[in-house]
C-alpha cells in the first residue's frame, strides 16, 4: 500500500476517528457502521484515523477495509496514522 498525502483532496473530508477506542472489535464495529453512513451520504471517500501506536488497530482496519465490499481502494496517508478510503 503506497503512502498518500490526503490533505490535497478535500479540507471538508468526513473523518472516522477510531484511535481512542481501545478494543479492536469495538473499533471495527464502529468502522463498519460509519462506512455505511458515509456511503449513504453519497460521499466518494473518507479518512479513517487509527493512530500510530503499536500498529494493531491499523492492521485490523486494513484487513477490514480489504474485505469490505463498499471499499474500492484505501491508501495510508503520509503520517501513517490514518488512511483515505475510496467508496
PDB file of N, CA and C in Angstrom:
ATOM      1  N   UNK A   1       0.851  -1.168   0.000  1.00  0.00           N
ATOM      2  CA  UNK A   1       0.000   0.000   0.000  1.00  0.00           C
ATOM      3  C   UNK A   1       0.904   1.240   0.000  1.00  0.00           C
ATOM      4  N   UNK A   2       0.731   2.107  -0.978  1.00  0.00           N
ATOM      5  CA  UNK A   2       1.533   3.322  -1.087  1.00  0.00           C
ATOM      6  C   UNK A   2       1.047   4.374  -0.102  1.00  0.00           C
ATOM      7  N   UNK A   3       1.990   5.187   0.374  1.00  0.00           N
ATOM      8  CA  UNK A   3       1.601   6.326   1.205  1.00  0.00           C
ATOM      9  C   UNK A   3       0.987   7.395   0.323  1.00  0.00           C
ATOM     10  N   UNK A   4       0.090   8.162   0.897  1.00  0.00           N
ATOM     11  CA  UNK A   4      -0.685   9.120   0.124  1.00  0.00           C
ATOM     12  C   UNK A   4      -0.861  10.374   0.952  1.00  0.00           C
ATOM     13  N   UNK A   5      -0.803  11.516   0.301  1.00  0.00           N
ATOM     14  CA  UNK A   5      -0.984  12.780   1.008  1.00  0.00           C
ATOM     15  C   UNK A   5      -2.418  13.241   0.814  1.00  0.00           C
ATOM     16  N   UNK A   6      -3.262  12.980   1.810  1.00  0.00           N
ATOM     17  CA  UNK A   6      -4.691  13.226   1.727  1.00  0.00           C
ATOM     18  C   UNK A   6      -5.149  14.658   1.748  1.00  0.00           C
ATOM     19  N   UNK A   7      -4.479  15.581   2.464  1.00  0.00           N
ATOM     20  CA  UNK A   7      -5.000  16.942   2.538  1.00  0.00           C
ATOM     21  C   UNK A   7      -5.187  17.606   1.183  1.00  0.00           C
ATOM     22  N   UNK A   8      -4.531  17.103   0.161  1.00  0.00           N
ATOM     23  CA  UNK A   8      -4.696  17.697  -1.164  1.00  0.00           C
ATOM     24  C   UNK A   8      -6.071  17.395  -1.760  1.00  0.00           C
ATOM     25  N   UNK A   9      -6.809  16.445  -1.188  1.00  0.00           N
ATOM     26  CA  UNK A   9      -8.117  16.081  -1.728  1.00  0.00           C
ATOM     27  C   UNK A   9      -9.218  17.061  -1.346  1.00  0.00           C
ATOM     28  N   UNK A  10      -9.429  17.236  -0.058  1.00  0.00           N
ATOM     29  CA  UNK A  10     -10.593  17.998   0.384  1.00  0.00           C
ATOM     30  C   UNK A  10     -10.428  18.349   1.859  1.00  0.00           C
ATOM     31  N   UNK A  11     -10.587  19.618   2.176  1.00  0.00           N
ATOM     32  CA  UNK A  11     -10.456  20.035   3.575  1.00  0.00           C
ATOM     33  C   UNK A  11     -11.681  19.668   4.398  1.00  0.00           C
ATOM     34  N   UNK A  12     -12.799  19.361   3.752  1.00  0.00           N
ATOM     35  CA  UNK A  12     -14.037  19.028   4.458  1.00  0.00           C
ATOM     36  C   UNK A  12     -14.333  17.533   4.428  1.00  0.00           C
ATOM     37  N   UNK A  13     -13.304  16.736   4.322  1.00  0.00           N
ATOM     38  CA  UNK A  13     -13.478  15.288   4.226  1.00  0.00           C
ATOM     39  C   UNK A  13     -14.086  14.733   5.523  1.00  0.00           C
ATOM     40  N   UNK A  14     -14.972  13.766   5.386  1.00  0.00           N
ATOM     41  CA  UNK A  14     -15.553  13.093   6.545  1.00  0.00           C
ATOM     42  C   UNK A  14     -14.462  12.260   7.207  1.00  0.00           C
ATOM     43  N   UNK A  15     -14.388  12.330   8.533  1.00  0.00           N
ATOM     44  CA  UNK A  15     -13.389  11.565   9.275  1.00  0.00           C
ATOM     45  C   UNK A  15     -14.067  10.565  10.203  1.00  0.00           C
ATOM     46  N   UNK A  16     -13.528   9.366  10.214  1.00  0.00           N
ATOM     47  CA  UNK A  16     -13.944   8.331  11.155  1.00  0.00           C
ATOM     48  C   UNK A  16     -12.763   8.144  12.099  1.00  0.00           C
ATOM     49  N   UNK A  17     -12.906   8.617  13.323  1.00  0.00           N
ATOM     50  CA  UNK A  17     -11.798   8.618  14.279  1.00  0.00           C
ATOM     51  C   UNK A  17     -11.909   7.420  15.219  1.00  0.00           C
ATOM     52  N   UNK A  18     -11.006   6.465  15.058  1.00  0.00           N
ATOM     53  CA  UNK A  18     -11.023   5.239  15.851  1.00  0.00           C
ATOM     54  C   UNK A  18      -9.915   5.184  16.889  1.00  0.00           C
ATOM     55  N   UNK A  19      -8.986   6.110  16.843  1.00  0.00           N
ATOM     56  CA  UNK A  19      -7.775   5.935  17.644  1.00  0.00           C
ATOM     57  C   UNK A  19      -7.981   6.031  19.150  1.00  0.00           C
ATOM     58  N   UNK A  20      -9.130   6.452  19.611  1.00  0.00           N
ATOM     59  CA  UNK A  20      -9.389   6.479  21.050  1.00  0.00           C
ATOM     60  C   UNK A  20     -10.116   5.242  21.552  1.00  0.00           C
ATOM     61  N   UNK A  21     -10.428   4.313  20.662  1.00  0.00           N
ATOM     62  CA  UNK A  21     -11.174   3.108  21.038  1.00  0.00           C
ATOM     63  C   UNK A  21     -10.175   1.986  21.319  1.00  0.00           C
ATOM     64  N   UNK A  22     -10.127   1.535  22.571  1.00  0.00           N
ATOM     65  CA  UNK A  22      -9.112   0.557  22.988  1.00  0.00           C
ATOM     66  C   UNK A  22      -9.381  -0.856  22.465  1.00  0.00           C
ATOM     67  N   UNK A  23     -10.645  -1.241  22.390  1.00  0.00           N
ATOM     68  CA  UNK A  23     -10.998  -2.601  21.982  1.00  0.00           C
ATOM     69  C   UNK A  23     -11.067  -2.700  20.456  1.00  0.00           C
ATOM     70  N   UNK A  24     -10.265  -3.583  19.868  1.00  0.00           N
ATOM     71  CA  UNK A  24     -10.206  -3.718  18.410  1.00  0.00           C
ATOM     72  C   UNK A  24     -11.562  -4.093  17.825  1.00  0.00           C
ATOM     73  N   UNK A  25     -12.238  -5.042  18.432  1.00  0.00           N
ATOM     74  CA  UNK A  25     -13.544  -5.472  17.930  1.00  0.00           C
ATOM     75  C   UNK A  25     -14.530  -4.302  17.909  1.00  0.00           C
ATOM     76  N   UNK A  26     -14.556  -3.537  18.977  1.00  0.00           N
ATOM     77  CA  UNK A  26     -15.444  -2.367  19.048  1.00  0.00           C
ATOM     78  C   UNK A  26     -15.083  -1.341  17.968  1.00  0.00           C
ATOM     79  N   UNK A  27     -13.790  -1.097  17.777  1.00  0.00           N
ATOM     80  CA  UNK A  27     -13.344  -0.135  16.762  1.00  0.00           C
ATOM     81  C   UNK A  27     -13.777  -0.577  15.369  1.00  0.00           C
ATOM     82  N   UNK A  28     -13.689  -1.865  15.088  1.00  0.00           N
ATOM     83  CA  UNK A  28     -14.072  -2.361  13.766  1.00  0.00           C
ATOM     84  C   UNK A  28     -15.581  -2.302  13.559  1.00  0.00           C
ATOM     85  N   UNK A  29     -16.352  -2.482  14.621  1.00  0.00           N
ATOM     86  CA  UNK A  29     -17.808  -2.312  14.518  1.00  0.00           C
ATOM     87  C   UNK A  29     -18.158  -0.862  14.199  1.00  0.00           C
ATOM     88  N   UNK A  30     -17.490   0.068  14.866  1.00  0.00           N
ATOM     89  CA  UNK A  30     -17.697   1.497  14.591  1.00  0.00           C
ATOM     90  C   UNK A  30     -17.309   1.798  13.146  1.00  0.00           C
ATOM     91  N   UNK A  31     -16.194   1.257  12.695  1.00  0.00           N
ATOM     92  CA  UNK A  31     -15.742   1.475  11.319  1.00  0.00           C
ATOM     93  C   UNK A  31     -16.802   1.027  10.317  1.00  0.00           C
ATOM     94  N   UNK A  32     -17.312  -0.184  10.479  1.00  0.00           N
ATOM     95  CA  UNK A  32     -18.324  -0.707   9.551  1.00  0.00           C
ATOM     96  C   UNK A  32     -19.569   0.175   9.526  1.00  0.00           C
ATOM     97  N   UNK A  33     -20.041   0.551  10.705  1.00  0.00           N
ATOM     98  CA  UNK A  33     -21.243   1.388  10.803  1.00  0.00           C
ATOM     99  C   UNK A  33     -21.019   2.741  10.136  1.00  0.00           C
ATOM    100  N   UNK A  34     -19.887   3.375  10.423  1.00  0.00           N
ATOM    101  CA  UNK A  34     -19.607   4.702   9.873  1.00  0.00           C
ATOM    102  C   UNK A  34     -19.374   4.655   8.363  1.00  0.00           C
ATOM    103  N   UNK A  35     -18.726   3.606   7.864  1.00  0.00           N
ATOM    104  CA  UNK A  35     -18.548   3.478   6.411  1.00  0.00           C
ATOM    105  C   UNK A  35     -19.902   3.366   5.714  1.00  0.00           C
ATOM    106  N   UNK A  36     -20.829   2.662   6.336  1.00  0.00           N
ATOM    107  CA  UNK A  36     -22.177   2.551   5.782  1.00  0.00           C
ATOM    108  C   UNK A  36     -22.819   3.931   5.677  1.00  0.00           C
ATOM    109  N   UNK A  37     -22.709   4.736   6.752  1.00  0.00           N
ATOM    110  CA  UNK A  37     -23.283   6.083   6.735  1.00  0.00           C
ATOM    111  C   UNK A  37     -22.615   6.970   5.685  1.00  0.00           C
ATOM    112  N   UNK A  38     -21.307   6.853   5.555  1.00  0.00           N
ATOM    113  CA  UNK A  38     -20.593   7.648   4.542  1.00  0.00           C
ATOM    114  C   UNK A  38     -21.081   7.263   3.150  1.00  0.00           C
ATOM    115  N   UNK A  39     -21.210   5.979   2.889  1.00  0.00           N
ATOM    116  CA  UNK A  39     -21.657   5.541   1.559  1.00  0.00           C
ATOM    117  C   UNK A  39     -23.076   6.019   1.262  1.00  0.00           C
ATOM    118  N   UNK A  40     -23.933   6.032   2.263  1.00  0.00           N
ATOM    119  CA  UNK A  40     -25.311   6.500   2.068  1.00  0.00           C
ATOM    120  C   UNK A  40     -25.389   8.010   1.862  1.00  0.00           C
ATOM    121  N   UNK A  41     -24.365   8.729   2.293  1.00  0.00           N
ATOM    122  CA  UNK A  41     -24.353  10.187   2.131  1.00  0.00           C
ATOM    123  C   UNK A  41     -23.828  10.615   0.760  1.00  0.00           C
ATOM    124  N   UNK A  42     -23.569   9.647  -0.097  1.00  0.00           N
ATOM    125  CA  UNK A  42     -23.090   9.903  -1.461  1.00  0.00           C
ATOM    126  C   UNK A  42     -21.647  10.403  -1.518  1.00  0.00           C
ATOM    127  N   UNK A  43     -20.926  10.324  -0.418  1.00  0.00           N
ATOM    128  CA  UNK A  43     -19.509  10.692  -0.434  1.00  0.00           C
ATOM    129  C   UNK A  43     -18.724   9.585  -1.125  1.00  0.00           C
ATOM    130  N   UNK A  44     -17.685   9.978  -1.833  1.00  0.00           N
ATOM    131  CA  UNK A  44     -16.840   9.015  -2.541  1.00  0.00           C
ATOM    132  C   UNK A  44     -15.632   8.577  -1.723  1.00  0.00           C
ATOM    133  N   UNK A  45     -15.315   9.329  -0.673  1.00  0.00           N
ATOM    134  CA  UNK A  45     -14.145   8.981   0.135  1.00  0.00           C
ATOM    135  C   UNK A  45     -14.274   9.562   1.533  1.00  0.00           C
ATOM    136  N   UNK A  46     -13.483   9.015   2.439  1.00  0.00           N
ATOM    137  CA  UNK A  46     -13.427   9.499   3.818  1.00  0.00           C
ATOM    138  C   UNK A  46     -12.037   9.193   4.374  1.00  0.00           C
ATOM    139  N   UNK A  47     -11.753   9.751   5.520  1.00  0.00           N
ATOM    140  CA  UNK A  47     -10.481   9.491   6.207  1.00  0.00           C
ATOM    141  C   UNK A  47     -10.785   8.651   7.447  1.00  0.00           C
ATOM    142  N   UNK A  48     -10.022   7.590   7.628  1.00  0.00           N
ATOM    143  CA  UNK A  48     -10.123   6.773   8.832  1.00  0.00           C
ATOM    144  C   UNK A  48      -8.861   7.026   9.649  1.00  0.00           C
ATOM    145  N   UNK A  49      -9.052   7.521  10.863  1.00  0.00           N
ATOM    146  CA  UNK A  49      -7.929   7.811  11.756  1.00  0.00           C
ATOM    147  C   UNK A  49      -7.800   6.642  12.730  1.00  0.00           C
ATOM    148  N   UNK A  50      -6.678   5.953  12.648  1.00  0.00           N
ATOM    149  CA  UNK A  50      -6.443   4.815  13.535  1.00  0.00           C
ATOM    150  C   UNK A  50      -5.273   5.058  14.477  1.00  0.00           C
ATOM    151  N   UNK A  51      -4.525   6.118  14.266  1.00  0.00           N
ATOM    152  CA  UNK A  51      -3.362   6.408  15.095  1.00  0.00           C
ATOM    153  C   UNK A  51      -2.180   5.528  14.718  1.00  0.00           C
ATOM    154  N   UNK A  52      -1.050   5.800  15.321  1.00  0.00           N
ATOM    155  CA  UNK A  52       0.158   5.035  15.004  1.00  0.00           C
ATOM    156  C   UNK A  52       0.335   3.910  16.020  1.00  0.00           C
ATOM    157  N   UNK A  53       0.538   4.226  17.263  1.00  0.00           N
ATOM    158  CA  UNK A  53       0.613   3.234  18.340  1.00  0.00           C
ATOM    159  C   UNK A  53       1.407   1.992  17.991  1.00  0.00           C
ATOM    160  N   UNK A  54       0.887   0.837  18.406  1.00  0.00           N
ATOM    161  CA  UNK A  54       1.565  -0.444  18.178  1.00  0.00           C
ATOM    162  C   UNK A  54       1.324  -0.978  16.772  1.00  0.00           C
ATOM    163  N   UNK A  55       0.353  -0.418  16.073  1.00  0.00           N
ATOM    164  CA  UNK A  55       0.023  -0.888  14.732  1.00  0.00           C
ATOM    165  C   UNK A  55      -1.086  -1.921  14.709  1.00  0.00           C
ATOM    166  N   UNK A  56      -1.544  -2.354  15.872  1.00  0.00           N
ATOM    167  CA  UNK A  56      -2.600  -3.366  15.951  1.00  0.00           C
ATOM    168  C   UNK A  56      -3.909  -2.867  15.345  1.00  0.00           C
ATOM    169  N   UNK A  57      -4.294  -1.649  15.686  1.00  0.00           N
ATOM    170  CA  UNK A  57      -5.525  -1.086  15.142  1.00  0.00           C
ATOM    171  C   UNK A  57      -5.381  -0.828  13.645  1.00  0.00           C
ATOM    172  N   UNK A  58      -4.242  -0.299  13.230  1.00  0.00           N
ATOM    173  CA  UNK A  58      -4.009  -0.038  11.803  1.00  0.00           C
ATOM    174  C   UNK A  58      -4.100  -1.331  10.996  1.00  0.00           C
ATOM    175  N   UNK A  59      -3.527  -2.406  11.507  1.00  0.00           N
ATOM    176  CA  UNK A  59      -3.584  -3.701  10.816  1.00  0.00           C
ATOM    177  C   UNK A  59      -5.010  -4.223  10.746  1.00  0.00           C
ATOM    178  N   UNK A  60      -5.737  -4.099  11.850  1.00  0.00           N
ATOM    179  CA  UNK A  60      -7.128  -4.538  11.871  1.00  0.00           C
ATOM    180  C   UNK A  60      -7.995  -3.745  10.915  1.00  0.00           C
ATOM    181  N   UNK A  61      -7.762  -2.437  10.861  1.00  0.00           N
ATOM    182  CA  UNK A  61      -8.505  -1.571   9.939  1.00  0.00           C
ATOM    183  C   UNK A  61      -8.191  -1.960   8.496  1.00  0.00           C
ATOM    184  N   UNK A  62      -6.919  -2.159   8.181  1.00  0.00           N
ATOM    185  CA  UNK A  62      -6.532  -2.531   6.815  1.00  0.00           C
ATOM    186  C   UNK A  62      -7.180  -3.848   6.404  1.00  0.00           C
ATOM    187  N   UNK A  63      -7.197  -4.813   7.300  1.00  0.00           N
ATOM    188  CA  UNK A  63      -7.818  -6.100   6.989  1.00  0.00           C
ATOM    189  C   UNK A  63      -9.322  -5.938   6.762  1.00  0.00           C
ATOM    190  N   UNK A  64      -9.980  -5.172   7.637  1.00  0.00           N
ATOM    191  CA  UNK A  64     -11.427  -4.952   7.498  1.00  0.00           C
ATOM    192  C   UNK A  64     -11.753  -4.214   6.203  1.00  0.00           C
ATOM    193  N   UNK A  65     -10.952  -3.208   5.865  1.00  0.00           N
ATOM    194  CA  UNK A  65     -11.201  -2.450   4.639  1.00  0.00           C
ATOM    195  C   UNK A  65     -11.000  -3.323   3.403  1.00  0.00           C
ATOM    196  N   UNK A  66      -9.997  -4.193   3.437  1.00  0.00           N
ATOM    197  CA  UNK A  66      -9.730  -5.049   2.275  1.00  0.00           C
ATOM    198  C   UNK A  66     -10.857  -6.051   2.035  1.00  0.00           C
ATOM    199  N   UNK A  67     -11.633  -6.362   3.070  1.00  0.00           N
ATOM    200  CA  UNK A  67     -12.734  -7.323   2.952  1.00  0.00           C
ATOM    201  C   UNK A  67     -14.093  -6.659   2.749  1.00  0.00           C
ATOM    202  N   UNK A  68     -14.154  -5.344   2.875  1.00  0.00           N
ATOM    203  CA  UNK A  68     -15.436  -4.639   2.805  1.00  0.00           C
ATOM    204  C   UNK A  68     -15.831  -4.389   1.347  1.00  0.00           C
ATOM    205  N   UNK A  69     -16.986  -4.896   0.905  1.00  0.00           N
ATOM    206  CA  UNK A  69     -17.386  -4.731  -0.495  1.00  0.00           C
ATOM    207  C   UNK A  69     -17.686  -3.283  -0.907  1.00  0.00           C
ATOM    208  N   UNK A  70     -17.919  -2.389   0.060  1.00  0.00           N
ATOM    209  CA  UNK A  70     -18.158  -0.980  -0.283  1.00  0.00           C
ATOM    210  C   UNK A  70     -16.864  -0.264  -0.641  1.00  0.00           C
ATOM    211  N   UNK A  71     -15.736  -0.796  -0.191  1.00  0.00           N
ATOM    212  CA  UNK A  71     -14.445  -0.128  -0.349  1.00  0.00           C
ATOM    213  C   UNK A  71     -13.829  -0.480  -1.694  1.00  0.00           C
ATOM    214  N   UNK A  72     -13.581   0.557  -2.497  1.00  0.00           N
ATOM    215  CA  UNK A  72     -12.929   0.383  -3.790  1.00  0.00           C
ATOM    216  C   UNK A  72     -11.420   0.308  -3.599  1.00  0.00           C
ATOM    217  N   UNK A  73     -10.909   1.189  -2.739  1.00  0.00           N
ATOM    218  CA  UNK A  73      -9.466   1.293  -2.522  1.00  0.00           C
ATOM    219  C   UNK A  73      -9.227   2.060  -1.228  1.00  0.00           C
ATOM    220  N   UNK A  74      -8.086   1.803  -0.607  1.00  0.00           N
ATOM    221  CA  UNK A  74      -7.675   2.622   0.533  1.00  0.00           C
ATOM    222  C   UNK A  74      -6.174   2.797   0.494  1.00  0.00           C
ATOM    223  N   UNK A  75      -5.731   3.960   0.977  1.00  0.00           N
ATOM    224  CA  UNK A  75      -4.310   4.306   0.949  1.00  0.00           C
ATOM    225  C   UNK A  75      -3.907   4.915   2.279  1.00  0.00           C
ATOM    226  N   UNK A  76      -2.762   4.481   2.783  1.00  0.00           N
ATOM    227  CA  UNK A  76      -2.215   5.053   4.008  1.00  0.00           C
ATOM    228  C   UNK A  76      -1.712   6.458   3.717  1.00  0.00           C
ATOM    229  N   UNK A  77      -2.034   7.397   4.587  1.00  0.00           N
ATOM    230  CA  UNK A  77      -1.546   8.764   4.422  1.00  0.00           C
ATOM    231  C   UNK A  77      -0.115   8.869   4.921  1.00  0.00           C
ATOM    232  N   UNK A  78       0.564   9.929   4.516  1.00  0.00           N
ATOM    233  CA  UNK A  78       1.976  10.124   4.848  1.00  0.00           C
ATOM    234  C   UNK A  78       2.268  10.015   6.332  1.00  0.00           C
ATOM    235  N   UNK A  79       1.369  10.495   7.162  1.00  0.00           N
ATOM    236  CA  UNK A  79       1.594  10.479   8.613  1.00  0.00           C
ATOM    237  C   UNK A  79       1.642   9.061   9.172  1.00  0.00           C
ATOM    238  N   UNK A  80       1.006   8.126   8.481  1.00  0.00           N
ATOM    239  CA  UNK A  80       0.948   6.748   8.955  1.00  0.00           C
ATOM    240  C   UNK A  80      -0.145   6.494   9.976  1.00  0.00           C
ATOM    241  N   UNK A  81      -0.797   7.538  10.462  1.00  0.00           N
ATOM    242  CA  UNK A  81      -1.820   7.387  11.487  1.00  0.00           C
ATOM    243  C   UNK A  81      -3.235   7.380  10.952  1.00  0.00           C
ATOM    244  N   UNK A  82      -3.366   7.438   9.627  1.00  0.00           N
ATOM    245  CA  UNK A  82      -4.698   7.455   9.029  1.00  0.00           C
ATOM    246  C   UNK A  82      -4.617   6.924   7.604  1.00  0.00           C
ATOM    247  N   UNK A  83      -5.781   6.667   7.054  1.00  0.00           N
ATOM    248  CA  UNK A  83      -5.828   6.248   5.655  1.00  0.00           C
ATOM    249  C   UNK A  83      -7.040   6.887   4.992  1.00  0.00           C
ATOM    250  N   UNK A  84      -6.935   7.033   3.689  1.00  0.00           N
ATOM    251  CA  UNK A  84      -8.061   7.514   2.894  1.00  0.00           C
ATOM    252  C   UNK A  84      -8.752   6.304   2.305  1.00  0.00           C
ATOM    253  N   UNK A  85     -10.062   6.302   2.404  1.00  0.00           N
ATOM    254  CA  UNK A  85     -10.861   5.183   1.931  1.00  0.00           C
ATOM    255  C   UNK A  85     -11.751   5.687   0.809  1.00  0.00           C
ATOM    256  N   UNK A  86     -11.670   5.031  -0.338  1.00  0.00           N
ATOM    257  CA  UNK A  86     -12.478   5.396  -1.502  1.00  0.00           C
ATOM    258  C   UNK A  86     -13.597   4.377  -1.650  1.00  0.00           C
ATOM    259  N   UNK A  87     -14.818   4.893  -1.715  1.00  0.00           N
ATOM    260  CA  UNK A  87     -16.006   4.037  -1.793  1.00  0.00           C
ATOM    261  C   UNK A  87     -16.577   4.033  -3.195  1.00  0.00           C
TER     262      UNK A  87
END
